[in-house]
Each structure stands twice: as C-alpha cells, then as structure tokens.
Amino acid sequence: MPWTPRKLSVQIEHLSGTGQDEILFVIGGAFGLSEAVLERANERLSLPKKEYPHQLARIVVMERLYRAFRMSLGEPLW
C-alpha cells in the first residue's frame, strides 16, 4: 500500500492508542525482502513507484516519519 505522511500519522496514532510501544521498519534491498520476513510483518508499506538507492530510501522513510509525527502533534509542516 502506498503511504503518505497523513496515513502514517493515523497508523502511528492507532498503534499508540492500542498500547503498541515499538514500531520496526525494515527496508528491503535491490531484490526486496524474503518471504519469511514478509510473512512476519503486521503491515506492509511501500514508497512511491520510483527506484531509490537503499541509502536514499532510508532518508525518505525518515522524512515521512518526521512529517507524520509532526502531524500527530498538530504542528505545522512548514
């Protein structure tokens, strides 16, 4: 499922409301993730349909998390 900071913000708020105290993000490499890892996932999120080098994908995820947490706190994004 493609995700936006707003969708991620809602998901984080939902998880914190259910007492979830840990969220783990796993970023796949050039060939994705193994079936064993995918089967253990509670949720699957995807970046937009672009190709990102592994290091850039980590930065994109961090930026989305930053925006999502700012939204959760009711803070302006800019």
PDB file of N, CA and C in Angstrom:
ATOM      1  N   MET A   1       0.848  -1.164   0.000  1.00  0.00           N
ATOM      2  CA  MET A   1       0.000   0.000   0.000  1.00  0.00           C
ATOM      3  C   MET A   1       0.896   1.230   0.000  1.00  0.00           C
ATOM      4  N   PRO A   2       0.739   2.132  -0.975  1.00  0.00           N
ATOM      5  CA  PRO A   2       1.496   3.382  -0.924  1.00  0.00           C
ATOM      6  C   PRO A   2       1.064   4.187   0.296  1.00  0.00           C
ATOM      7  N   TRP A   3       1.963   4.923   0.879  1.00  0.00           N
ATOM      8  CA  TRP A   3       1.628   5.645   2.098  1.00  0.00           C
ATOM      9  C   TRP A   3       2.094   7.082   2.034  1.00  0.00           C
ATOM     10  N   THR A   4       1.356   7.893   2.733  1.00  0.00           N
ATOM     11  CA  THR A   4       1.650   9.317   2.832  1.00  0.00           C
ATOM     12  C   THR A   4       1.937   9.617   4.296  1.00  0.00           C
ATOM     13  N   PRO A   5       2.511  10.770   4.580  1.00  0.00           N
ATOM     14  CA  PRO A   5       2.697  11.121   5.991  1.00  0.00           C
ATOM     15  C   PRO A   5       1.375  11.124   6.761  1.00  0.00           C
ATOM     16  N   ARG A   6       0.289  11.542   6.140  1.00  0.00           N
ATOM     17  CA  ARG A   6      -1.014  11.559   6.821  1.00  0.00           C
ATOM     18  C   ARG A   6      -1.434  10.134   7.184  1.00  0.00           C
ATOM     19  N   LYS A   7      -1.335   9.189   6.239  1.00  0.00           N
ATOM     20  CA  LYS A   7      -1.701   7.795   6.526  1.00  0.00           C
ATOM     21  C   LYS A   7      -0.814   7.218   7.632  1.00  0.00           C
ATOM     22  N   LEU A   8       0.464   7.523   7.574  1.00  0.00           N
ATOM     23  CA  LEU A   8       1.387   7.031   8.583  1.00  0.00           C
ATOM     24  C   LEU A   8       1.071   7.639   9.944  1.00  0.00           C
ATOM     25  N   SER A   9       0.725   8.915   9.958  1.00  0.00           N
ATOM     26  CA  SER A   9       0.357   9.581  11.204  1.00  0.00           C
ATOM     27  C   SER A   9      -0.849   8.903  11.850  1.00  0.00           C
ATOM     28  N   VAL A  10      -1.855   8.614  11.049  1.00  0.00           N
ATOM     29  CA  VAL A  10      -3.053   7.932  11.559  1.00  0.00           C
ATOM     30  C   VAL A  10      -2.689   6.555  12.092  1.00  0.00           C
ATOM     31  N   GLN A  11      -1.846   5.829  11.382  1.00  0.00           N
ATOM     32  CA  GLN A  11      -1.438   4.487  11.809  1.00  0.00           C
ATOM     33  C   GLN A  11      -0.651   4.541  13.119  1.00  0.00           C
ATOM     34  N   ILE A  12       0.251   5.511  13.239  1.00  0.00           N
ATOM     35  CA  ILE A  12       1.032   5.646  14.472  1.00  0.00           C
ATOM     36  C   ILE A  12       0.120   5.979  15.644  1.00  0.00           C
ATOM     37  N   GLU A  13      -0.824   6.878  15.429  1.00  0.00           N
ATOM     38  CA  GLU A  13      -1.775   7.225  16.483  1.00  0.00           C
ATOM     39  C   GLU A  13      -2.597   6.006  16.897  1.00  0.00           C
ATOM     40  N   HIS A  14      -3.007   5.207  15.920  1.00  0.00           N
ATOM     41  CA  HIS A  14      -3.769   3.989  16.218  1.00  0.00           C
ATOM     42  C   HIS A  14      -2.932   3.020  17.055  1.00  0.00           C
ATOM     43  N   LEU A  15      -1.692   2.797  16.642  1.00  0.00           N
ATOM     44  CA  LEU A  15      -0.829   1.866  17.374  1.00  0.00           C
ATOM     45  C   LEU A  15      -0.561   2.350  18.795  1.00  0.00           C
ATOM     46  N   SER A  16      -0.322   3.648  18.962  1.00  0.00           N
ATOM     47  CA  SER A  16      -0.064   4.145  20.310  1.00  0.00           C
ATOM     48  C   SER A  16      -1.318   4.057  21.168  1.00  0.00           C
ATOM     49  N   GLY A  17      -2.492   4.183  20.562  1.00  0.00           N
ATOM     50  CA  GLY A  17      -3.745   4.048  21.294  1.00  0.00           C
ATOM     51  C   GLY A  17      -4.018   2.629  21.748  1.00  0.00           C
ATOM     52  N   THR A  18      -3.410   1.650  21.084  1.00  0.00           N
ATOM     53  CA  THR A  18      -3.597   0.253  21.458  1.00  0.00           C
ATOM     54  C   THR A  18      -2.492  -0.243  22.385  1.00  0.00           C
ATOM     55  N   GLY A  19      -1.599   0.662  22.794  1.00  0.00           N
ATOM     56  CA  GLY A  19      -0.542   0.282  23.718  1.00  0.00           C
ATOM     57  C   GLY A  19       0.715  -0.236  23.044  1.00  0.00           C
ATOM     58  N   GLN A  20       0.778  -0.176  21.720  1.00  0.00           N
ATOM     59  CA  GLN A  20       1.972  -0.624  20.992  1.00  0.00           C
ATOM     60  C   GLN A  20       3.120   0.307  21.353  1.00  0.00           C
ATOM     61  N   ASP A  21       4.213  -0.226  21.873  1.00  0.00           N
ATOM     62  CA  ASP A  21       5.314   0.640  22.287  1.00  0.00           C
ATOM     63  C   ASP A  21       6.532   0.536  21.375  1.00  0.00           C
ATOM     64  N   GLU A  22       6.416  -0.231  20.308  1.00  0.00           N
ATOM     65  CA  GLU A  22       7.559  -0.384  19.410  1.00  0.00           C
ATOM     66  C   GLU A  22       7.067  -0.551  17.984  1.00  0.00           C
ATOM     67  N   ILE A  23       7.684   0.177  17.072  1.00  0.00           N
ATOM     68  CA  ILE A  23       7.399   0.044  15.639  1.00  0.00           C
ATOM     69  C   ILE A  23       8.735  -0.219  14.961  1.00  0.00           C
ATOM     70  N   LEU A  24       8.790  -1.228  14.137  1.00  0.00           N
ATOM     71  CA  LEU A  24      10.019  -1.592  13.440  1.00  0.00           C
ATOM     72  C   LEU A  24       9.792  -1.463  11.944  1.00  0.00           C
ATOM     73  N   PHE A  25      10.684  -0.746  11.283  1.00  0.00           N
ATOM     74  CA  PHE A  25      10.630  -0.611   9.835  1.00  0.00           C
ATOM     75  C   PHE A  25      11.775  -1.408   9.242  1.00  0.00           C
ATOM     76  N   VAL A  26      11.482  -2.193   8.217  1.00  0.00           N
ATOM     77  CA  VAL A  26      12.501  -2.964   7.510  1.00  0.00           C
ATOM     78  C   VAL A  26      12.467  -2.511   6.058  1.00  0.00           C
ATOM     79  N   ILE A  27      13.609  -2.080   5.560  1.00  0.00           N
ATOM     80  CA  ILE A  27      13.705  -1.616   4.180  1.00  0.00           C
ATOM     81  C   ILE A  27      14.421  -2.691   3.381  1.00  0.00           C
ATOM     82  N   GLY A  28      13.766  -3.153   2.338  1.00  0.00           N
ATOM     83  CA  GLY A  28      14.341  -4.212   1.512  1.00  0.00           C
ATOM     84  C   GLY A  28      15.462  -3.698   0.627  1.00  0.00           C
ATOM     85  N   GLY A  29      16.265  -4.603   0.183  1.00  0.00           N
ATOM     86  CA  GLY A  29      17.357  -4.269  -0.725  1.00  0.00           C
ATOM     87  C   GLY A  29      16.894  -4.287  -2.169  1.00  0.00           C
ATOM     88  N   ALA A  30      17.822  -4.413  -3.087  1.00  0.00           N
ATOM     89  CA  ALA A  30      17.514  -4.378  -4.515  1.00  0.00           C
ATOM     90  C   ALA A  30      16.560  -5.489  -4.937  1.00  0.00           C
ATOM     91  N   PHE A  31      16.565  -6.597  -4.214  1.00  0.00           N
ATOM     92  CA  PHE A  31      15.709  -7.723  -4.573  1.00  0.00           C
ATOM     93  C   PHE A  31      14.539  -7.890  -3.616  1.00  0.00           C
ATOM     94  N   GLY A  32      14.253  -6.863  -2.821  1.00  0.00           N
ATOM     95  CA  GLY A  32      13.119  -6.922  -1.912  1.00  0.00           C
ATOM     96  C   GLY A  32      13.465  -7.671  -0.636  1.00  0.00           C
ATOM     97  N   LEU A  33      12.421  -8.238  -0.025  1.00  0.00           N
ATOM     98  CA  LEU A  33      12.576  -8.969   1.232  1.00  0.00           C
ATOM     99  C   LEU A  33      12.210 -10.435   1.024  1.00  0.00           C
ATOM    100  N   SER A  34      12.733 -11.300   1.868  1.00  0.00           N
ATOM    101  CA  SER A  34      12.420 -12.722   1.764  1.00  0.00           C
ATOM    102  C   SER A  34      10.977 -12.961   2.197  1.00  0.00           C
ATOM    103  N   GLU A  35      10.412 -14.047   1.769  1.00  0.00           N
ATOM    104  CA  GLU A  35       9.046 -14.410   2.157  1.00  0.00           C
ATOM    105  C   GLU A  35       8.923 -14.569   3.669  1.00  0.00           C
ATOM    106  N   ALA A  36       9.973 -15.073   4.309  1.00  0.00           N
ATOM    107  CA  ALA A  36       9.940 -15.246   5.771  1.00  0.00           C
ATOM    108  C   ALA A  36       9.755 -13.899   6.469  1.00  0.00           C
ATOM    109  N   VAL A  37      10.441 -12.876   5.996  1.00  0.00           N
ATOM    110  CA  VAL A  37      10.304 -11.553   6.593  1.00  0.00           C
ATOM    111  C   VAL A  37       8.920 -10.996   6.303  1.00  0.00           C
ATOM    112  N   LEU A  38       8.460 -11.123   5.075  1.00  0.00           N
ATOM    113  CA  LEU A  38       7.147 -10.601   4.700  1.00  0.00           C
ATOM    114  C   LEU A  38       6.015 -11.274   5.471  1.00  0.00           C
ATOM    115  N   GLU A  39       6.149 -12.553   5.738  1.00  0.00           N
ATOM    116  CA  GLU A  39       5.111 -13.274   6.478  1.00  0.00           C
ATOM    117  C   GLU A  39       5.014 -12.805   7.923  1.00  0.00           C
ATOM    118  N   ARG A  40       6.118 -12.342   8.497  1.00  0.00           N
ATOM    119  CA  ARG A  40       6.113 -11.884   9.893  1.00  0.00           C
ATOM    120  C   ARG A  40       5.593 -10.464  10.047  1.00  0.00           C
ATOM    121  N   ALA A  41       5.457  -9.740   8.947  1.00  0.00           N
ATOM    122  CA  ALA A  41       5.060  -8.330   9.008  1.00  0.00           C
ATOM    123  C   ALA A  41       3.588  -8.193   9.398  1.00  0.00           C
ATOM    124  N   ASN A  42       3.319  -7.242  10.288  1.00  0.00           N
ATOM    125  CA  ASN A  42       1.939  -6.905  10.633  1.00  0.00           C
ATOM    126  C   ASN A  42       1.335  -5.985   9.586  1.00  0.00           C
ATOM    127  N   GLU A  43       2.138  -5.128   9.021  1.00  0.00           N
ATOM    128  CA  GLU A  43       1.730  -4.175   7.994  1.00  0.00           C
ATOM    129  C   GLU A  43       2.820  -4.117   6.937  1.00  0.00           C
ATOM    130  N   ARG A  44       2.408  -3.754   5.730  1.00  0.00           N
ATOM    131  CA  ARG A  44       3.379  -3.537   4.655  1.00  0.00           C
ATOM    132  C   ARG A  44       3.103  -2.167   4.067  1.00  0.00           C
ATOM    133  N   LEU A  45       4.143  -1.389   3.962  1.00  0.00           N
ATOM    134  CA  LEU A  45       4.055  -0.068   3.368  1.00  0.00           C
ATOM    135  C   LEU A  45       5.023  -0.013   2.209  1.00  0.00           C
ATOM    136  N   SER A  46       4.724   0.823   1.248  1.00  0.00           N
ATOM    137  CA  SER A  46       5.654   0.952   0.131  1.00  0.00           C
ATOM    138  C   SER A  46       5.877   2.417  -0.178  1.00  0.00           C
ATOM    139  N   LEU A  47       7.038   2.693  -0.724  1.00  0.00           N
ATOM    140  CA  LEU A  47       7.357   4.034  -1.174  1.00  0.00           C
ATOM    141  C   LEU A  47       6.705   4.244  -2.541  1.00  0.00           C
ATOM    142  N   PRO A  48       6.634   5.496  -3.001  1.00  0.00           N
ATOM    143  CA  PRO A  48       6.082   5.739  -4.340  1.00  0.00           C
ATOM    144  C   PRO A  48       6.813   4.917  -5.391  1.00  0.00           C
ATOM    145  N   LYS A  49       6.162   4.715  -6.514  1.00  0.00           N
ATOM    146  CA  LYS A  49       6.709   3.862  -7.576  1.00  0.00           C
ATOM    147  C   LYS A  49       7.902   4.506  -8.271  1.00  0.00           C
ATOM    148  N   LYS A  50       8.964   4.683  -7.520  1.00  0.00           N
ATOM    149  CA  LYS A  50      10.236   5.188  -8.039  1.00  0.00           C
ATOM    150  C   LYS A  50      11.308   4.237  -7.543  1.00  0.00           C
ATOM    151  N   GLU A  51      12.425   4.274  -8.189  1.00  0.00           N
ATOM    152  CA  GLU A  51      13.535   3.462  -7.709  1.00  0.00           C
ATOM    153  C   GLU A  51      14.433   4.334  -6.839  1.00  0.00           C
ATOM    154  N   TYR A  52      14.666   3.860  -5.619  1.00  0.00           N
ATOM    155  CA  TYR A  52      15.531   4.577  -4.692  1.00  0.00           C
ATOM    156  C   TYR A  52      16.716   3.695  -4.328  1.00  0.00           C
ATOM    157  N   PRO A  53      17.930   4.274  -4.317  1.00  0.00           N
ATOM    158  CA  PRO A  53      19.041   3.520  -3.735  1.00  0.00           C
ATOM    159  C   PRO A  53      18.730   3.274  -2.257  1.00  0.00           C
ATOM    160  N   HIS A  54      19.288   2.221  -1.702  1.00  0.00           N
ATOM    161  CA  HIS A  54      18.986   1.824  -0.325  1.00  0.00           C
ATOM    162  C   HIS A  54      19.171   2.980   0.658  1.00  0.00           C
ATOM    163  N   GLN A  55      20.264   3.713   0.540  1.00  0.00           N
ATOM    164  CA  GLN A  55      20.535   4.805   1.464  1.00  0.00           C
ATOM    165  C   GLN A  55      19.509   5.928   1.313  1.00  0.00           C
ATOM    166  N   LEU A  56      19.101   6.238   0.098  1.00  0.00           N
ATOM    167  CA  LEU A  56      18.107   7.282  -0.121  1.00  0.00           C
ATOM    168  C   LEU A  56      16.737   6.841   0.399  1.00  0.00           C
ATOM    169  N   ALA A  57      16.408   5.570   0.275  1.00  0.00           N
ATOM    170  CA  ALA A  57      15.138   5.064   0.793  1.00  0.00           C
ATOM    171  C   ALA A  57      15.057   5.283   2.301  1.00  0.00           C
ATOM    172  N   ARG A  58      16.158   5.095   3.002  1.00  0.00           N
ATOM    173  CA  ARG A  58      16.170   5.331   4.456  1.00  0.00           C
ATOM    174  C   ARG A  58      15.880   6.792   4.767  1.00  0.00           C
ATOM    175  N   ILE A  59      16.427   7.704   3.982  1.00  0.00           N
ATOM    176  CA  ILE A  59      16.179   9.130   4.196  1.00  0.00           C
ATOM    177  C   ILE A  59      14.715   9.459   3.908  1.00  0.00           C
ATOM    178  N   VAL A  60      14.153   8.893   2.855  1.00  0.00           N
ATOM    179  CA  VAL A  60      12.747   9.130   2.518  1.00  0.00           C
ATOM    180  C   VAL A  60      11.852   8.631   3.653  1.00  0.00           C
ATOM    181  N   VAL A  61      12.137   7.465   4.203  1.00  0.00           N
ATOM    182  CA  VAL A  61      11.354   6.931   5.319  1.00  0.00           C
ATOM    183  C   VAL A  61      11.475   7.852   6.531  1.00  0.00           C
ATOM    184  N   MET A  62      12.663   8.312   6.836  1.00  0.00           N
ATOM    185  CA  MET A  62      12.851   9.221   7.978  1.00  0.00           C
ATOM    186  C   MET A  62      12.078  10.523   7.776  1.00  0.00           C
ATOM    187  N   GLU A  63      12.087  11.042   6.564  1.00  0.00           N
ATOM    188  CA  GLU A  63      11.355  12.278   6.279  1.00  0.00           C
ATOM    189  C   GLU A  63       9.860  12.058   6.465  1.00  0.00           C
ATOM    190  N   ARG A  64       9.348  10.924   5.998  1.00  0.00           N
ATOM    191  CA  ARG A  64       7.924  10.612   6.165  1.00  0.00           C
ATOM    192  C   ARG A  64       7.567  10.458   7.642  1.00  0.00           C
ATOM    193  N   LEU A  65       8.441   9.820   8.405  1.00  0.00           N
ATOM    194  CA  LEU A  65       8.195   9.676   9.840  1.00  0.00           C
ATOM    195  C   LEU A  65       8.204  11.031  10.535  1.00  0.00           C
ATOM    196  N   TYR A  66       9.137  11.884  10.173  1.00  0.00           N
ATOM    197  CA  TYR A  66       9.211  13.225  10.743  1.00  0.00           C
ATOM    198  C   TYR A  66       7.902  13.970  10.496  1.00  0.00           C
ATOM    199  N   ARG A  67       7.440  13.965   9.265  1.00  0.00           N
ATOM    200  CA  ARG A  67       6.185  14.644   8.932  1.00  0.00           C
ATOM    201  C   ARG A  67       5.003  14.012   9.664  1.00  0.00           C
ATOM    202  N   ALA A  68       4.983  12.697   9.729  1.00  0.00           N
ATOM    203  CA  ALA A  68       3.873  12.004  10.396  1.00  0.00           C
ATOM    204  C   ALA A  68       3.809  12.366  11.872  1.00  0.00           C
ATOM    205  N   PHE A  69       4.945  12.389  12.543  1.00  0.00           N
ATOM    206  CA  PHE A  69       4.961  12.746  13.964  1.00  0.00           C
ATOM    207  C   PHE A  69       4.581  14.206  14.169  1.00  0.00           C
ATOM    208  N   ARG A  70       5.017  15.087  13.271  1.00  0.00           N
ATOM    209  CA  ARG A  70       4.610  16.498  13.379  1.00  0.00           C
ATOM    210  C   ARG A  70       3.101  16.620  13.235  1.00  0.00           C
ATOM    211  N   MET A  71       2.519  15.869  12.294  1.00  0.00           N
ATOM    212  CA  MET A  71       1.067  15.891  12.117  1.00  0.00           C
ATOM    213  C   MET A  71       0.364  15.371  13.359  1.00  0.00           C
ATOM    214  N   SER A  72       0.891  14.312  13.933  1.00  0.00           N
ATOM    215  CA  SER A  72       0.291  13.734  15.142  1.00  0.00           C
ATOM    216  C   SER A  72       0.282  14.717  16.285  1.00  0.00           C
ATOM    217  N   LEU A  73       1.295  15.572  16.335  1.00  0.00           N
ATOM    218  CA  LEU A  73       1.391  16.563  17.391  1.00  0.00           C
ATOM    219  C   LEU A  73       0.597  17.836  17.074  1.00  0.00           C
ATOM    220  N   GLY A  74       0.011  17.885  15.881  1.00  0.00           N
ATOM    221  CA  GLY A  74      -0.759  19.056  15.488  1.00  0.00           C
ATOM    222  C   GLY A  74       0.102  20.237  15.090  1.00  0.00           C
ATOM    223  N   GLU A  75       1.356  19.989  14.797  1.00  0.00           N
ATOM    224  CA  GLU A  75       2.278  21.060  14.421  1.00  0.00           C
ATOM    225  C   GLU A  75       2.231  21.298  12.908  1.00  0.00           C
ATOM    226  N   PRO A  76       2.496  22.527  12.482  1.00  0.00           N
ATOM    227  CA  PRO A  76       2.536  22.785  11.035  1.00  0.00           C
ATOM    228  C   PRO A  76       3.737  22.094  10.419  1.00  0.00           C
ATOM    229  N   LEU A  77       3.603  21.729   9.166  1.00  0.00           N
ATOM    230  CA  LEU A  77       4.703  21.041   8.489  1.00  0.00           C
ATOM    231  C   LEU A  77       5.764  22.005   7.984  1.00  0.00           C
ATOM    232  N   TRP A  78       5.437  23.262   7.818  1.00  0.00           N
ATOM    233  CA  TRP A  78       6.415  24.203   7.277  1.00  0.00           C
ATOM    234  C   TRP A  78       6.701  25.284   8.241  1.00  0.00           C
TER     235      TRP A  78
END
